[in-house]
Amino acid sequence: MIFSAQITAARGLIGISQAELAAKSKVSLSAIQKYEQDDEAISKAPVQLITQIKETLEKLGIEFLFTKNGSKIVRVGVDIKLKS
C-alpha cells in the first residue's frame, strides 16, 4: 500500500502535475485527485489502480520508503532513485 502524501510528494519530486500522472498511469484525473486527498480512498480502491499509479511513479524514478516497528508502519516517504 502507498499513502496519499507519498503520491503528492512523488509528483513534486519529479515535477509532474496530477493530469500528467493520470495520463501516464491511465488512471482518471478525478481518481488521482481523490487518492491524493484520502488514504481511506486508497485502501478502498481497486488494487490494480493503485498498482498502476505506484508502478508509473517508480518508472519515473521514485522509490517508496516505509519504516516499520514490528508490524506497524511508523514512517513513510519517497525518494528519487539515482541513475547509474
Protein backbone atom coordinates (compact mmCIF):
# COMPACT_ATOMS: atom_id res chain seq x y z
CA MET A 1 0.00 0.00 0.00
CA ILE A 2 1.07 3.55 -0.62
CA PHE A 3 -0.23 6.66 1.09
CA SER A 4 -1.83 9.82 -0.28
CA ALA A 5 1.04 12.03 0.89
CA GLN A 6 3.51 9.79 -0.93
CA ILE A 7 1.73 10.29 -4.25
CA THR A 8 1.71 14.06 -3.80
CA ALA A 9 5.35 14.15 -2.68
CA ALA A 10 6.43 11.87 -5.52
CA ARG A 11 4.80 14.10 -8.11
CA GLY A 12 6.51 17.11 -6.56
CA LEU A 13 9.92 15.47 -6.64
CA ILE A 14 9.69 14.65 -10.32
CA GLY A 15 7.76 17.77 -11.26
CA ILE A 16 4.62 16.38 -12.86
CA SER A 17 1.02 17.50 -12.47
CA GLN A 18 -1.93 15.39 -11.41
CA ALA A 19 -3.10 15.43 -15.03
CA GLU A 20 0.27 14.17 -16.26
CA LEU A 21 0.26 11.36 -13.70
CA ALA A 22 -3.28 10.45 -14.71
CA ALA A 23 -2.31 10.26 -18.38
CA LYS A 24 0.89 8.29 -17.75
CA SER A 25 -0.74 5.82 -15.35
CA LYS A 26 -4.01 5.53 -17.31
CA VAL A 27 -5.96 6.36 -14.15
CA SER A 28 -8.58 9.12 -14.25
CA LEU A 29 -7.67 12.60 -13.04
CA SER A 30 -10.54 12.53 -10.55
CA ALA A 31 -9.17 9.29 -9.07
CA ILE A 32 -5.67 10.77 -8.74
CA GLN A 33 -7.16 13.81 -7.00
CA LYS A 34 -9.19 11.62 -4.65
CA TYR A 35 -6.26 9.33 -3.80
CA GLU A 36 -4.00 12.29 -3.04
CA GLN A 37 -6.53 13.61 -0.52
CA ASP A 38 -7.63 10.48 1.29
CA ASP A 39 -5.76 7.39 2.50
CA GLU A 40 -9.09 5.67 3.08
CA ALA A 41 -9.95 6.11 -0.61
CA ILE A 42 -6.67 4.38 -1.45
CA SER A 43 -7.46 1.48 0.87
CA LYS A 44 -10.88 1.04 -0.79
CA ALA A 45 -9.61 1.44 -4.36
CA PRO A 46 -9.11 -1.48 -6.72
CA VAL A 47 -5.58 -2.80 -6.18
CA GLN A 48 -4.94 -2.59 -9.93
CA LEU A 49 -5.44 1.21 -9.96
CA ILE A 50 -3.09 1.84 -7.03
CA THR A 51 -0.55 -0.52 -8.57
CA GLN A 52 -0.73 1.42 -11.87
CA ILE A 53 -0.04 4.70 -10.07
CA LYS A 54 2.78 3.22 -7.98
CA GLU A 55 4.46 1.49 -10.93
CA THR A 56 4.20 4.62 -13.07
CA LEU A 57 5.90 6.71 -10.40
CA GLU A 58 8.57 4.04 -9.94
CA LYS A 59 9.27 4.04 -13.70
CA LEU A 60 9.75 7.81 -13.41
CA GLY A 61 12.42 7.26 -10.74
CA ILE A 62 10.50 7.28 -7.47
CA GLU A 63 11.25 4.88 -4.64
CA PHE A 64 8.60 4.42 -1.96
CA LEU A 65 10.02 4.24 1.57
CA PHE A 66 8.47 2.64 4.65
CA THR A 67 9.86 2.17 8.15
CA LYS A 68 8.19 -0.39 10.35
CA ASN A 69 8.27 -1.00 14.08
CA GLY A 70 7.14 -4.59 14.27
CA SER A 71 4.04 -4.81 12.11
CA LYS A 72 3.20 -1.10 12.43
CA ILE A 73 4.32 1.40 9.78
CA VAL A 74 5.81 4.35 11.65
CA ARG A 75 7.29 6.40 8.81
CA VAL A 76 6.63 6.76 5.09
CA GLY A 77 8.38 8.76 2.41
CA VAL A 78 9.56 8.92 -1.17
CA ASP A 79 12.93 9.41 -2.77
CA ILE A 80 14.34 9.69 -6.26
CA LYS A 81 16.49 6.80 -7.45
CA LEU A 82 19.76 7.98 -8.92
CA LYS A 83 20.62 6.67 -12.33
CA SER A 84 23.96 4.89 -12.55
